[in-house]
Amino acid sequence: MGKMLVTDVEKCTGCGWCELACSFRHHDEFNPTKSRIHKITFWQQAIIVPVVCQQCEEPWCGRICQAGAITTKKDEKTGATLVEVAAEKCVGCRMCMLACPYGCIIVSDEGTAEKCDLCGGDPECVKFCAAGAIKFTEAEAAIMARKKSVAERLLTSHRE
């Protein structure tokens, strides 16, 4: 099934290292606005959620891209599904940004779409997440862990 990025909200401290590592890897500068991973803070609940591209098998961003700049492939090294943007084909219409249900596409200074590319199979955000809130793991294990987490929350809610 391949690998995928998985985030654990319970572990995220909101330090921002993932954003800085990503922006430095791709743009040689520490600038969270240029990161391909973002943390969303829910102040009332004191929860921080790292949000990253889910590398959809049939991505909405790719469906809407009239320029054919967004395609999907399997990474041979990791087996991960990878949604790629061909910058040379991108016309900068930003329709992919509107189509992505996760809000994980940004536009570069040059006006072309950018999104997580899994850093060629060795994601920087994972390396720099000291809390262990981001992992690049086998998809089957990640899905089972997610199912277990949901089941535990349902059980806790039911008991209350």
Protein backbone atom coordinates (compact mmCIF):
# COMPACT_ATOMS: atom_id res chain seq x y z
CA MET A 1 0.00 0.00 0.00
CA GLY A 2 2.94 2.37 0.49
CA LYS A 3 3.75 5.11 2.96
CA MET A 4 1.93 8.26 3.99
CA LEU A 5 2.35 11.24 6.30
CA VAL A 6 0.37 10.88 9.49
CA THR A 7 -0.13 13.57 12.12
CA ASP A 8 -0.97 13.03 15.78
CA VAL A 9 -2.85 16.00 17.20
CA GLU A 10 -2.31 14.74 20.73
CA LYS A 11 1.48 15.12 20.35
CA CYS A 12 1.69 18.41 18.45
CA THR A 13 3.13 21.21 20.60
CA GLY A 14 2.74 23.90 17.94
CA CYS A 15 6.48 24.62 17.86
CA GLY A 16 6.43 25.28 14.10
CA TRP A 17 9.65 23.39 13.36
CA CYS A 18 7.84 21.37 10.68
CA GLU A 19 6.92 24.56 8.81
CA LEU A 20 10.42 25.98 9.09
CA ALA A 21 12.09 22.75 7.96
CA CYS A 22 9.77 22.54 4.96
CA SER A 23 10.24 26.14 3.86
CA PHE A 24 14.01 25.88 4.24
CA ARG A 25 14.12 22.62 2.24
CA HIS A 26 12.11 24.06 -0.65
CA HIS A 27 12.94 27.79 -0.56
CA ASP A 28 16.21 28.11 1.40
CA GLU A 29 14.53 30.40 3.91
CA PHE A 30 12.78 30.02 7.24
CA ASN A 31 9.33 31.30 6.29
CA PRO A 32 6.21 29.45 7.46
CA THR A 33 4.11 31.09 4.74
CA LYS A 34 6.19 29.20 2.17
CA SER A 35 5.81 25.88 3.96
CA ARG A 36 3.84 23.02 2.45
CA ILE A 37 2.70 21.92 5.91
CA HIS A 38 0.76 24.26 8.18
CA LYS A 39 -0.38 24.18 11.74
CA ILE A 40 -3.90 25.30 12.53
CA THR A 41 -4.52 26.46 16.09
CA PHE A 42 -7.87 26.12 17.83
CA TRP A 43 -7.34 28.47 20.75
CA GLN A 44 -10.59 27.70 22.59
CA GLN A 45 -9.80 23.98 22.71
CA ALA A 46 -6.01 24.46 23.06
CA ILE A 47 -5.44 22.11 20.13
CA ILE A 48 -2.94 22.49 17.31
CA VAL A 49 -3.44 20.47 14.15
CA PRO A 50 -0.64 20.00 11.59
CA VAL A 51 -2.26 19.92 8.15
CA VAL A 52 -0.48 18.39 5.16
CA CYS A 53 -1.47 17.11 1.72
CA GLN A 54 -3.13 13.70 1.94
CA GLN A 55 -1.73 12.67 -1.48
CA CYS A 56 -5.20 11.60 -2.63
CA GLU A 57 -5.52 8.66 -5.04
CA GLU A 58 -7.96 10.74 -7.13
CA PRO A 59 -7.17 14.34 -6.15
CA TRP A 60 -9.74 17.09 -6.60
CA CYS A 61 -6.90 19.49 -7.41
CA GLY A 62 -5.87 17.28 -10.33
CA ARG A 63 -9.42 16.94 -11.60
CA ILE A 64 -9.95 20.68 -11.75
CA CYS A 65 -6.57 21.57 -13.27
CA GLN A 66 -7.34 22.47 -16.88
CA ALA A 67 -3.65 22.87 -17.69
CA GLY A 68 -2.88 19.25 -16.79
CA ALA A 69 -0.21 20.43 -14.34
CA ILE A 70 -1.32 18.15 -11.48
CA THR A 71 -0.84 14.41 -11.83
CA THR A 72 -0.67 11.38 -9.56
CA LYS A 73 1.96 8.66 -9.50
CA LYS A 74 3.32 5.97 -7.20
CA ASP A 75 6.73 6.69 -5.72
CA GLU A 76 8.87 3.68 -6.58
CA LYS A 77 11.07 4.04 -3.50
CA THR A 78 8.35 4.38 -0.83
CA GLY A 79 5.25 3.06 -2.59
CA ALA A 80 3.48 6.28 -1.58
CA THR A 81 0.91 7.92 -3.78
CA LEU A 82 2.34 11.26 -4.84
CA VAL A 83 0.34 14.14 -6.27
CA GLU A 84 2.75 16.28 -8.27
CA VAL A 85 2.58 19.78 -9.73
CA ALA A 86 4.47 20.42 -12.97
CA ALA A 87 5.39 24.09 -12.51
CA GLU A 88 6.15 24.50 -16.21
CA LYS A 89 2.52 23.60 -17.06
CA CYS A 90 0.86 25.56 -14.23
CA VAL A 91 -0.88 28.74 -15.41
CA GLY A 92 -1.45 30.08 -11.89
CA CYS A 93 -5.25 30.06 -12.02
CA ARG A 94 -5.48 28.88 -8.38
CA MET A 95 -8.44 26.60 -9.06
CA CYS A 96 -6.52 23.77 -7.37
CA MET A 97 -6.39 25.83 -4.18
CA LEU A 98 -10.17 26.12 -4.21
CA ALA A 99 -10.66 22.43 -5.02
CA CYS A 100 -8.39 20.97 -2.32
CA PRO A 101 -10.58 19.97 0.64
CA TYR A 102 -7.54 20.22 2.95
CA GLY A 103 -6.30 23.62 1.79
CA CYS A 104 -2.87 22.17 1.15
CA ILE A 105 -1.89 23.96 -2.04
CA ILE A 106 -0.03 27.24 -1.93
CA VAL A 107 1.11 29.56 -4.70
CA SER A 108 4.79 30.36 -5.06
CA ASP A 109 6.27 33.82 -5.56
CA GLU A 110 6.47 32.90 -9.24
CA GLY A 111 2.70 32.35 -9.32
CA THR A 112 2.64 28.55 -9.68
CA ALA A 113 0.99 25.98 -7.46
CA GLU A 114 3.08 24.14 -4.86
CA LYS A 115 2.22 21.30 -2.51
CA CYS A 116 3.87 18.63 -0.41
CA ASP A 117 6.17 16.42 -2.47
CA LEU A 118 7.14 14.20 0.48
CA CYS A 119 10.70 15.52 0.04
CA GLY A 120 11.55 12.68 -2.32
CA GLY A 121 10.56 10.05 0.25
CA ASP A 122 12.38 11.57 3.24
CA PRO A 123 10.09 14.33 4.60
CA GLU A 124 11.89 17.15 6.42
CA CYS A 125 8.87 17.84 8.63
CA VAL A 126 9.17 14.35 10.12
CA LYS A 127 12.89 14.75 10.82
CA PHE A 128 12.40 18.00 12.70
CA CYS A 129 9.28 17.10 14.69
CA ALA A 130 10.81 16.58 18.14
CA ALA A 131 7.40 15.73 19.63
CA GLY A 132 6.87 12.87 17.15
CA ALA A 133 3.56 14.35 15.98
CA ILE A 134 4.39 13.72 12.30
CA LYS A 135 5.37 10.33 10.98
CA PHE A 136 6.00 8.89 7.53
CA THR A 137 4.69 5.39 7.97
CA GLU A 138 3.13 2.45 6.19
CA ALA A 139 -0.38 3.39 5.11
CA GLU A 140 -2.03 0.23 6.46
CA ALA A 141 -0.57 0.78 9.94
CA ALA A 142 -1.56 4.45 9.81
CA ILE A 143 -5.13 3.63 8.82
CA MET A 144 -5.46 1.07 11.59
CA ALA A 145 -4.08 3.54 14.15
CA ARG A 146 -6.55 6.18 12.95
CA LYS A 147 -9.45 3.71 13.21
CA LYS A 148 -8.39 2.78 16.74
CA SER A 149 -8.16 6.44 17.74
CA VAL A 150 -11.66 7.15 16.43
CA ALA A 151 -13.03 4.07 18.17
CA GLU A 152 -11.42 5.12 21.47
CA ARG A 153 -12.94 8.60 21.21
CA LEU A 154 -16.37 7.12 20.45
CA LEU A 155 -16.08 4.79 23.42
CA THR A 156 -15.05 7.65 25.73
CA SER A 157 -17.93 9.77 24.43
CA HIS A 158 -20.38 6.90 24.91
CA ARG A 159 -19.23 6.38 28.52
CA GLU A 160 -19.75 10.06 29.32
